[in-house]
C-alpha atoms as a PDB file:
ATOM      1  CA  MET A   1      -0.104  -0.121  -0.073  1.00  0.00           C
ATOM      2  CA  ASN A   2       1.227   3.592  -0.861  1.00  0.00           C
ATOM      3  CA  TRP A   3       0.482   6.740   0.795  1.00  0.00           C
ATOM      4  CA  GLU A   4      -2.427   7.555  -1.468  1.00  0.00           C
ATOM      5  CA  GLU A   5      -3.914   4.459  -1.372  1.00  0.00           C
ATOM      6  CA  PHE A   6      -3.840   4.426   2.574  1.00  0.00           C
ATOM      7  CA  ASN A   7      -5.712   7.986   2.500  1.00  0.00           C
ATOM      8  CA  ASP A   8      -8.293   6.273   0.351  1.00  0.00           C
ATOM      9  CA  VAL A   9      -8.975   3.544   2.427  1.00  0.00           C
ATOM     10  CA  VAL A  10      -9.094   5.857   5.495  1.00  0.00           C
ATOM     11  CA  ARG A  11     -11.618   7.874   3.702  1.00  0.00           C
ATOM     12  CA  THR A  12     -13.447   4.710   3.240  1.00  0.00           C
ATOM     13  CA  TYR A  13     -14.011   4.071   6.893  1.00  0.00           C
ATOM     14  CA  LEU A  14     -14.952   7.721   7.461  1.00  0.00           C
ATOM     15  CA  LEU A  15     -18.210   7.435   5.244  1.00  0.00           C
ATOM     16  CA  VAL A  16     -20.485  10.159   5.190  1.00  0.00           C
ATOM     17  CA  ASP A  17     -17.576  12.489   7.228  1.00  0.00           C
ATOM     18  CA  SER A  18     -15.476  11.787   3.847  1.00  0.00           C
ATOM     19  CA  ASP A  19     -17.584  14.617   2.149  1.00  0.00           C
ATOM     20  CA  ARG A  20     -17.823  16.794   4.801  1.00  0.00           C
ATOM     21  CA  LYS A  21     -18.340  20.377   3.491  1.00  0.00           C
ATOM     22  CA  GLY A  22     -17.032  23.641   5.004  1.00  0.00           C
ATOM     23  CA  ARG A  23     -14.260  26.056   4.659  1.00  0.00           C
ATOM     24  CA  GLY A  24     -10.763  24.173   5.219  1.00  0.00           C
ATOM     25  CA  VAL A  25     -12.363  21.066   6.317  1.00  0.00           C
ATOM     26  CA  GLN A  26     -11.120  18.715   3.552  1.00  0.00           C
ATOM     27  CA  GLU A  27      -7.632  20.045   4.057  1.00  0.00           C
ATOM     28  CA  TYR A  28      -8.390  19.439   7.697  1.00  0.00           C
ATOM     29  CA  ILE A  29      -8.992  15.976   7.138  1.00  0.00           C
ATOM     30  CA  ASP A  30      -5.669  15.220   5.238  1.00  0.00           C
ATOM     31  CA  ARG A  31      -3.853  17.045   7.856  1.00  0.00           C
ATOM     32  CA  MET A  32      -5.483  14.873  10.453  1.00  0.00           C
ATOM     33  CA  ILE A  33      -4.889  11.518   8.441  1.00  0.00           C
ATOM     34  CA  VAL A  34      -1.021  12.754   8.952  1.00  0.00           C
ATOM     35  CA  ALA A  35      -1.354  13.324  12.524  1.00  0.00           C
ATOM     36  CA  SER A  36      -2.808   9.928  13.360  1.00  0.00           C
ATOM     37  CA  SER A  37      -0.031   8.242  11.181  1.00  0.00           C
ATOM     38  CA  ILE A  38       2.568   9.990  13.467  1.00  0.00           C
ATOM     39  CA  ASP A  39       0.719   9.465  16.683  1.00  0.00           C
ATOM     40  CA  LEU A  40       0.508   5.718  15.694  1.00  0.00           C
ATOM     41  CA  GLN A  41       3.871   5.384  14.876  1.00  0.00           C
ATOM     42  CA  ARG A  42       5.090   6.750  18.101  1.00  0.00           C
ATOM     43  CA  TYR A  43       2.825   4.347  19.941  1.00  0.00           C
ATOM     44  CA  VAL A  44       3.128   1.290  18.033  1.00  0.00           C
ATOM     45  CA  PRO A  45       7.273   0.578  17.606  1.00  0.00           C
ATOM     46  CA  ALA A  46       6.655  -1.906  14.831  1.00  0.00           C
ATOM     47  CA  LEU A  47       5.307   0.656  12.451  1.00  0.00           C
ATOM     48  CA  ARG A  48       8.735   2.510  12.953  1.00  0.00           C
ATOM     49  CA  GLU A  49      11.031  -0.272  12.686  1.00  0.00           C
ATOM     50  CA  ASN A  50      10.267  -1.739   9.325  1.00  0.00           C
ATOM     51  CA  GLN A  51      10.281   1.071   7.218  1.00  0.00           C
ATOM     52  CA  PHE A  52      11.592   1.276   3.590  1.00  0.00           C
ATOM     53  CA  ARG A  53      11.808   3.429   0.418  1.00  0.00           C
ATOM     54  CA  THR A  54      12.355   2.492  -3.146  1.00  0.00           C
ATOM     55  CA  TYR A  55      13.852   4.641  -6.094  1.00  0.00           C
ATOM     56  CA  SER A  56      14.239   3.940  -9.727  1.00  0.00           C
ATOM     57  CA  THR A  57      15.906   6.125 -12.457  1.00  0.00           C
ATOM     58  CA  THR A  58      12.827   7.854 -12.832  1.00  0.00           C
ATOM     59  CA  SER A  59      12.769   9.175  -9.024  1.00  0.00           C
ATOM     60  CA  LEU A  60      16.750  10.156  -9.150  1.00  0.00           C
ATOM     61  CA  VAL A  61      18.665  13.210 -10.506  1.00  0.00           C
ATOM     62  CA  GLU A  62      22.259  14.306 -10.592  1.00  0.00           C
ATOM     63  CA  PRO A  63      23.560  16.290  -7.833  1.00  0.00           C
ATOM     64  CA  ASP A  64      22.903  19.948  -7.501  1.00  0.00           C
ATOM     65  CA  PRO A  65      25.613  22.087  -8.700  1.00  0.00           C
ATOM     66  CA  SER A  66      25.522  24.171  -5.529  1.00  0.00           C
ATOM     67  CA  ASP A  67      26.383  20.706  -3.789  1.00  0.00           C
ATOM     68  CA  LEU A  68      29.125  20.224  -5.868  1.00  0.00           C
ATOM     69  CA  SER A  69      30.694  23.748  -5.643  1.00  0.00           C
ATOM     70  CA  SER A  70      33.989  24.329  -7.821  1.00  0.00           C
ATOM     71  CA  VAL A  71      33.889  20.442  -9.017  1.00  0.00           C
ATOM     72  CA  ASN A  72      32.986  19.690 -12.659  1.00  0.00           C
ATOM     73  CA  SER A  73      29.596  18.816 -12.777  1.00  0.00           C
ATOM     74  CA  GLU A  74      29.402  17.435 -16.387  1.00  0.00           C
ATOM     75  CA  ASP A  75      28.738  13.760 -17.024  1.00  0.00           C
ATOM     76  CA  LEU A  76      28.783  12.619 -13.656  1.00  0.00           C
ATOM     77  CA  ASP A  77      28.125   8.852 -12.914  1.00  0.00           C
ATOM     78  CA  VAL A  78      26.556   9.821  -9.475  1.00  0.00           C
ATOM     79  CA  HIS A  79      22.438   9.695  -8.534  1.00  0.00           C
ATOM     80  CA  LYS A  80      21.064  12.141  -6.206  1.00  0.00           C
ATOM     81  CA  GLY A  81      17.632  11.184  -4.145  1.00  0.00           C
ATOM     82  CA  ASP A  82      15.708  12.635  -1.697  1.00  0.00           C
ATOM     83  CA  PHE A  83      15.620  11.233   1.901  1.00  0.00           C
ATOM     84  CA  VAL A  84      14.269  12.548   5.197  1.00  0.00           C
ATOM     85  CA  SER A  85      17.188  11.599   7.513  1.00  0.00           C
ATOM     86  CA  ALA A  86      16.031  13.269  10.600  1.00  0.00           C
ATOM     87  CA  LYS A  87      15.722  10.983  13.594  1.00  0.00           C
ATOM     88  CA  THR A  88      16.341   7.777  11.217  1.00  0.00           C
ATOM     89  CA  ARG A  89      18.404   4.758  11.706  1.00  0.00           C
ATOM     90  CA  VAL A  90      19.314   3.170   8.331  1.00  0.00           C
ATOM     91  CA  LYS A  91      19.256  -0.772   8.727  1.00  0.00           C
ATOM     92  CA  GLN A  92      20.261  -1.632   4.916  1.00  0.00           C
ATOM     93  CA  VAL A  93      20.658  -0.371   1.497  1.00  0.00           C
ATOM     94  CA  VAL A  94      20.002  -3.047  -1.408  1.00  0.00           C
ATOM     95  CA  ILE A  95      19.791  -2.348  -4.939  1.00  0.00           C
ATOM     96  CA  ARG A  96      17.783  -5.370  -7.072  1.00  0.00           C
ATOM     97  CA  ARG A  97      18.483  -5.772 -10.625  1.00  0.00           C
ATOM     98  CA  VAL A  98      15.757  -7.590 -12.380  1.00  0.00           C
ATOM     99  CA  ALA A  99      16.345  -9.984 -15.293  1.00  0.00           C
ATOM    100  CA  THR A 100      15.595  -9.047 -18.878  1.00  0.00           C
ATOM    101  CA  ASP A 101      16.533 -10.149 -22.261  1.00  0.00           C
ATOM    102  CA  ASP A 102      19.459  -7.861 -22.741  1.00  0.00           C
ATOM    103  CA  ASN A 103      21.317  -8.744 -19.391  1.00  0.00           C
ATOM    104  CA  SER A 104      20.988 -12.481 -19.437  1.00  0.00           C
ATOM    105  CA  GLN A 105      20.087 -13.275 -16.020  1.00  0.00           C
ATOM    106  CA  SER A 106      17.302 -15.704 -15.178  1.00  0.00           C
ATOM    107  CA  ILE A 107      16.749 -14.408 -11.683  1.00  0.00           C
ATOM    108  CA  SER A 108      17.043 -10.542  -9.858  1.00  0.00           C
ATOM    109  CA  ARG A 109      20.444  -9.965  -8.271  1.00  0.00           C
ATOM    110  CA  TYR A 110      21.305  -7.842  -5.059  1.00  0.00           C
ATOM    111  CA  TYR A 111      23.914  -5.494  -4.585  1.00  0.00           C
ATOM    112  CA  TYR A 112      24.719  -3.977  -1.167  1.00  0.00           C
ATOM    113  CA  PRO A 113      26.228  -0.522  -1.789  1.00  0.00           C
ATOM    114  CA  ARG A 114      29.026   0.349   0.747  1.00  0.00           C
ATOM    115  CA  VAL A 115      28.202   3.402   2.767  1.00  0.00           C
ATOM    116  CA  ILE A 116      30.709   6.084   3.212  1.00  0.00           C
ATOM    117  CA  PRO A 117      30.675   9.462   5.067  1.00  0.00           C
ATOM    118  CA  TRP A 118      28.885  12.396   3.677  1.00  0.00           C
ATOM    119  CA  GLU A 119      32.009  14.111   3.754  1.00  0.00           C
ATOM    120  CA  ALA A 120      33.530  11.985   1.502  1.00  0.00           C
ATOM    121  CA  ARG A 121      30.902  12.126  -0.994  1.00  0.00           C
ATOM    122  CA  PHE A 122      33.343  13.691  -3.616  1.00  0.00           C
ATOM    123  CA  ASP A 123      34.964  10.462  -3.826  1.00  0.00           C
ATOM    124  CA  LEU A 124      31.998   8.969  -5.597  1.00  0.00           C
ATOM    125  CA  ILE A 125      32.616  11.300  -8.571  1.00  0.00           C
ATOM    126  CA  ASP A 126      36.009   9.789  -9.255  1.00  0.00           C
ATOM    127  CA  GLY A 127      35.039   6.189  -8.088  1.00  0.00           C
ATOM    128  CA  GLY A 128      35.906   5.064 -11.640  1.00  0.00           C
ATOM    129  CA  ILE A 129      33.199   2.461 -11.319  1.00  0.00           C
ATOM    130  CA  LEU A 130      31.838   1.514 -15.041  1.00  0.00           C
ATOM    131  CA  GLU A 131      29.476  -1.189 -14.158  1.00  0.00           C
ATOM    132  CA  ARG A 132      28.242  -2.146 -10.798  1.00  0.00           C
ATOM    133  CA  THR A 133      29.345  -6.331  -9.840  1.00  0.00           C
ATOM    134  CA  THR A 134      28.891  -7.992  -6.618  1.00  0.00           C
ATOM    135  CA  GLN A 135      32.598  -7.490  -5.752  1.00  0.00           C
ATOM    136  CA  VAL A 136      32.075  -3.906  -6.349  1.00  0.00           C
ATOM    137  CA  PRO A 137      28.523  -2.889  -5.671  1.00  0.00           C
ATOM    138  CA  GLY A 138      29.094   0.794  -5.666  1.00  0.00           C
ATOM    139  CA  ARG A 139      28.784   3.299  -3.023  1.00  0.00           C
ATOM    140  CA  ILE A 140      26.339   5.615  -1.036  1.00  0.00           C
ATOM    141  CA  ALA A 141      26.653   8.821   0.893  1.00  0.00           C
ATOM    142  CA  PHE A 142      23.980  10.236   3.215  1.00  0.00           C
ATOM    143  CA  GLY A 143      23.762  13.958   3.877  1.00  0.00           C
ATOM    144  CA  GLU A 144      21.072  16.242   5.149  1.00  0.00           C
ATOM    145  CA  ASN A 145      17.526  14.917   3.621  1.00  0.00           C
ATOM    146  CA  LYS A 146      19.269  13.430   0.687  1.00  0.00           C
ATOM    147  CA  PHE A 147      22.113  10.737  -0.529  1.00  0.00           C
ATOM    148  CA  TRP A 148      24.345  10.659  -3.385  1.00  0.00           C
ATOM    149  CA  LEU A 149      24.803   7.081  -5.137  1.00  0.00           C
ATOM    150  CA  ALA A 150      27.424   5.790  -7.384  1.00  0.00           C
ATOM    151  CA  PRO A 151      27.438   4.443 -10.121  1.00  0.00           C
ATOM    152  CA  LYS A 152      24.015   5.501 -11.145  1.00  0.00           C
ATOM    153  CA  LEU A 153      21.060   3.183 -11.415  1.00  0.00           C
ATOM    154  CA  ILE A 154      20.286   1.612 -14.738  1.00  0.00           C
ATOM    155  CA  ASP A 155      16.717   1.122 -16.059  1.00  0.00           C
ATOM    156  CA  GLU A 156      16.354  -2.203 -14.828  1.00  0.00           C
ATOM    157  CA  GLU A 157      17.462  -1.460 -11.303  1.00  0.00           C
ATOM    158  CA  ALA A 158      15.814  -0.427  -8.201  1.00  0.00           C
ATOM    159  CA  LEU A 159      17.304   1.144  -4.843  1.00  0.00           C
ATOM    160  CA  TYR A 160      15.509   0.056  -1.674  1.00  0.00           C
ATOM    161  CA  ILE A 161      16.602   1.841   1.714  1.00  0.00           C
ATOM    162  CA  TYR A 162      15.193  -0.293   4.766  1.00  0.00           C
ATOM    163  CA  TYR A 163      15.386   2.124   8.199  1.00  0.00           C
ATOM    164  CA  GLU A 164      13.801   2.884  11.467  1.00  0.00           C
ATOM    165  CA  GLY A 165      12.431   6.034  11.894  1.00  0.00           C
ATOM    166  CA  GLU A 166       9.122   8.264  12.245  1.00  0.00           C
ATOM    167  CA  ASN A 167       7.640   9.256   8.833  1.00  0.00           C
ATOM    168  CA  HIS A 168       6.083  12.449   8.512  1.00  0.00           C
ATOM    169  CA  TYR A 169       3.881  12.363   5.418  1.00  0.00           C
ATOM    170  CA  ALA A 170       2.742  15.070   3.189  1.00  0.00           C
ATOM    171  CA  PRO A 171      -0.996  15.961   3.491  1.00  0.00           C
ATOM    172  CA  ILE A 172      -2.541  14.370   0.338  1.00  0.00           C
ATOM    173  CA  PHE A 173      -4.010  17.793  -0.973  1.00  0.00           C
ATOM    174  CA  LYS A 174      -0.646  18.822  -1.382  1.00  0.00           C
ATOM    175  CA  ALA A 175       1.613  15.854  -1.813  1.00  0.00           C
ATOM    176  CA  THR A 176       3.690  15.421  -5.301  1.00  0.00           C
ATOM    177  CA  THR A 177       3.034  12.447  -7.283  1.00  0.00           C
ATOM    178  CA  GLU A 178       6.224  10.957  -5.643  1.00  0.00           C
ATOM    179  CA  GLN A 179       5.120  11.610  -2.194  1.00  0.00           C
ATOM    180  CA  LYS A 180       1.634   9.928  -2.825  1.00  0.00           C
ATOM    181  CA  ALA A 181       3.491   6.833  -4.136  1.00  0.00           C
ATOM    182  CA  THR A 182       5.912   6.777  -1.129  1.00  0.00           C
ATOM    183  CA  PRO A 183       5.318   2.737   0.286  1.00  0.00           C
ATOM    184  CA  VAL A 184       3.667   2.687   4.012  1.00  0.00           C
ATOM    185  CA  VAL A 185       3.685  -0.113   6.208  1.00  0.00           C
ATOM    186  CA  PHE A 186       0.081   0.466   7.525  1.00  0.00           C
ATOM    187  CA  ASP A 187      -2.969  -1.860   6.734  1.00  0.00           C
ATOM    188  CA  ASP A 188      -6.676  -1.572   7.124  1.00  0.00           C
ATOM    189  CA  MET A 189      -6.470  -1.974  10.733  1.00  0.00           C
ATOM    190  CA  VAL A 190      -4.301   1.070  10.946  1.00  0.00           C
ATOM    191  CA  ALA A 191      -6.416   3.038   8.325  1.00  0.00           C
ATOM    192  CA  LYS A 192      -9.518   2.175  10.739  1.00  0.00           C
ATOM    193  CA  ALA A 193      -7.700   3.771  13.581  1.00  0.00           C
ATOM    194  CA  SER A 194      -7.139   6.590  11.823  1.00  0.00           C
ATOM    195  CA  ALA A 195     -10.772   7.320  10.436  1.00  0.00           C
ATOM    196  CA  ASP A 196     -11.610   7.222  14.052  1.00  0.00           C
ATOM    197  CA  TYR A 197      -8.848   9.515  15.178  1.00  0.00           C
ATOM    198  CA  VAL A 198      -9.997  11.969  12.016  1.00  0.00           C
ATOM    199  CA  LYS A 199     -13.973  11.429  13.670  1.00  0.00           C
ATOM    200  CA  ALA A 200     -12.768  12.388  17.148  1.00  0.00           C
ATOM    201  CA  HIS A 201     -11.097  15.772  15.874  1.00  0.00           C
ATOM    202  CA  LEU A 202     -13.961  16.892  13.409  1.00  0.00           C
ATOM    203  CA  ALA A 203     -16.565  16.160  16.483  1.00  0.00           C
ATOM    204  CA  ARG A 204     -14.307  18.483  18.546  1.00  0.00           C
ATOM    205  CA  GLU A 205     -13.092  21.039  16.334  1.00  0.00           C
ATOM    206  CA  VAL A 206     -15.752  21.399  13.630  1.00  0.00           C
ATOM    207  CA  ASP A 207     -19.034  20.188  15.650  1.00  0.00           C
ATOM    208  CA  ASN A 208     -18.143  21.456  18.834  1.00  0.00           C
ATOM    209  CA  ASP A 209     -19.475  18.180  20.230  1.00  0.00           C
ATOM    210  CA  LEU A 210     -17.206  17.390  22.964  1.00  0.00           C
ATOM    211  CA  THR A 211     -19.259  13.710  24.017  1.00  0.00           C
ATOM    212  CA  GLN A 212     -18.759  12.649  20.368  1.00  0.00           C
ATOM    213  CA  TYR A 213     -15.071  13.377  20.558  1.00  0.00           C
ATOM    214  CA  GLN A 214     -14.555  11.287  23.785  1.00  0.00           C
ATOM    215  CA  SER A 215     -16.606   8.839  22.450  1.00  0.00           C
ATOM    216  CA  TYR A 216     -14.664   8.649  18.756  1.00  0.00           C
ATOM    217  CA  TYR A 217     -11.503   9.129  20.807  1.00  0.00           C
ATOM    218  CA  GLN A 218     -12.075   6.032  22.965  1.00  0.00           C
ATOM    219  CA  MET A 219     -12.761   3.951  20.083  1.00  0.00           C
ATOM    220  CA  TYR A 220      -9.338   5.243  18.577  1.00  0.00           C
ATOM    221  CA  SER A 221      -7.546   4.307  21.651  1.00  0.00           C
ATOM    222  CA  LYS A 222      -8.690   0.618  21.602  1.00  0.00           C
ATOM    223  CA  ASP A 223      -7.969   0.569  17.864  1.00  0.00           C
ATOM    224  CA  ARG A 224      -4.379   1.799  18.940  1.00  0.00           C
ATOM    225  CA  ALA A 225      -3.990  -0.954  21.584  1.00  0.00           C
ATOM    226  CA  GLN A 226      -5.350  -3.855  19.148  1.00  0.00           C
ATOM    227  CA  VAL A 227      -2.729  -2.544  16.203  1.00  0.00           C
ATOM    228  CA  PHE A 228       0.043  -2.489  19.414  1.00  0.00           C
ATOM    229  CA  LEU A 229      -0.988  -5.948  20.453  1.00  0.00           C
ATOM    230  CA  ASN A 230      -0.873  -7.356  16.826  1.00  0.00           C
ATOM    231  CA  GLU A 231       2.255  -5.812  15.547  1.00  0.00           C
ATOM    232  CA  LYS A 232       3.626  -7.232  18.952  1.00  0.00           C
ATOM    233  CA  GLU A 233       2.609 -10.811  18.505  1.00  0.00           C
ATOM    234  CA  TYR A 234       4.104 -10.994  14.941  1.00  0.00           C
ATOM    235  CA  ASP A 235       7.087 -12.946  14.366  1.00  0.00           C
ATOM    236  CA  SER A 236      10.069 -11.047  12.710  1.00  0.00           C
ATOM    237  CA  SER A 237       9.283  -9.700   9.365  1.00  0.00           C
ATOM    238  CA  SER A 238      10.881 -10.926   5.889  1.00  0.00           C
ATOM    239  CA  VAL A 239      12.547  -7.387   6.196  1.00  0.00           C
ATOM    240  CA  GLU A 240      14.234  -7.888   9.476  1.00  0.00           C
ATOM    241  CA  GLN A 241      15.264 -11.582   8.482  1.00  0.00           C
ATOM    242  CA  VAL A 242      16.829 -10.286   5.192  1.00  0.00           C
ATOM    243  CA  ILE A 243      18.536  -7.359   7.298  1.00  0.00           C
ATOM    244  CA  ASN A 244      19.853  -9.361  10.305  1.00  0.00           C
ATOM    245  CA  SER A 245      21.186 -12.356   7.704  1.00  0.00           C
ATOM    246  CA  GLY A 246      22.507 -10.099   5.062  1.00  0.00           C
ATOM    247  CA  VAL A 247      25.336  -7.956   4.371  1.00  0.00           C
ATOM    248  CA  GLY A 248      25.501  -4.634   6.262  1.00  0.00           C
ATOM    249  CA  SER A 249      23.392  -5.725   9.245  1.00  0.00           C
ATOM    250  CA  GLY A 250      23.383  -3.573  12.138  1.00  0.00           C
ATOM    251  CA  GLY A 251      22.744  -0.293  10.487  1.00  0.00           C
ATOM    252  CA  PHE A 252      23.655   3.261  11.015  1.00  0.00           C
ATOM    253  CA  VAL A 253      22.621   6.568  12.503  1.00  0.00           C
ATOM    254  CA  ILE A 254      21.870   9.562  10.371  1.00  0.00           C
ATOM    255  CA  GLY A 255      20.731  12.969  11.757  1.00  0.00           C
END
C-alpha cells in the first residue's frame, strides 16, 4: 500500500464524514490523517521499525551544482535522491537488478552498496566504477535529507533503503506524485484507527461536540491498542530477517 492508497482507505472508513463540506474541512481531514499516522508510529514501535523507500532512475537526479561547489558537474556517474534523515536509523541499502532479455539474467541479482561518510561524497565522482558487480557494488553517502549514489542506477535496477524512523507524510492535498507513491507499512486496521482519530477531531473542532469527541477518541485508543498488540505478536518480518542475515546488518544512524 502506498500513501495515497492509505488515504483512500481511511476515507472509506470515514463514510459520510469523508464528504464533509465547509471552509478548510477537507484539508483539515488530510492533515488529521497525517497526525494520526504520526501518533500511531509513536505508540506502536513496529510501525517505525520496518520502514522502507524505493527509488528508480525516474525518481533520482544528478547532484545539484550548488552541492558540487567548484567540482566539474558534467557527465557525473552519480545519482542524487531525497531521503529525510532526521531521527532515522538506516538498516540496510540494497540494489535489485531484475532479469531482462538484455542482461542475460534468469533471476534478480542483489547488490549491497558500501556506505561512506557524507564528508567523503566527492570520492563518488572519481570512483571509476563503470559497471556494478557483486565485488564492486557501488557506494552511497547520506547527507541532510538527501543521498548520493555511484554508479548511477540503470533502468532495470531499483534502490531499496530499509530504515527505522518516524515518517511525517505530506497531506495528500499538497503531496507530489512521488510522495503519494511512497510505500507505507500500514494496513486496514491502521486505516480504521486513523479514521476514528479523524472523526474525533472533526467532532471537537468542527461540530464542537465534546461528547462525540470523547466517544470517537475512546474508539481510537482501543484501535491503537489492538494494532500494538497485533504487531507485538508478529514474528520477525521478512524485512528484518533479510537485514539481520544479510550484508551490512547492524545499521547506522543519520541525523
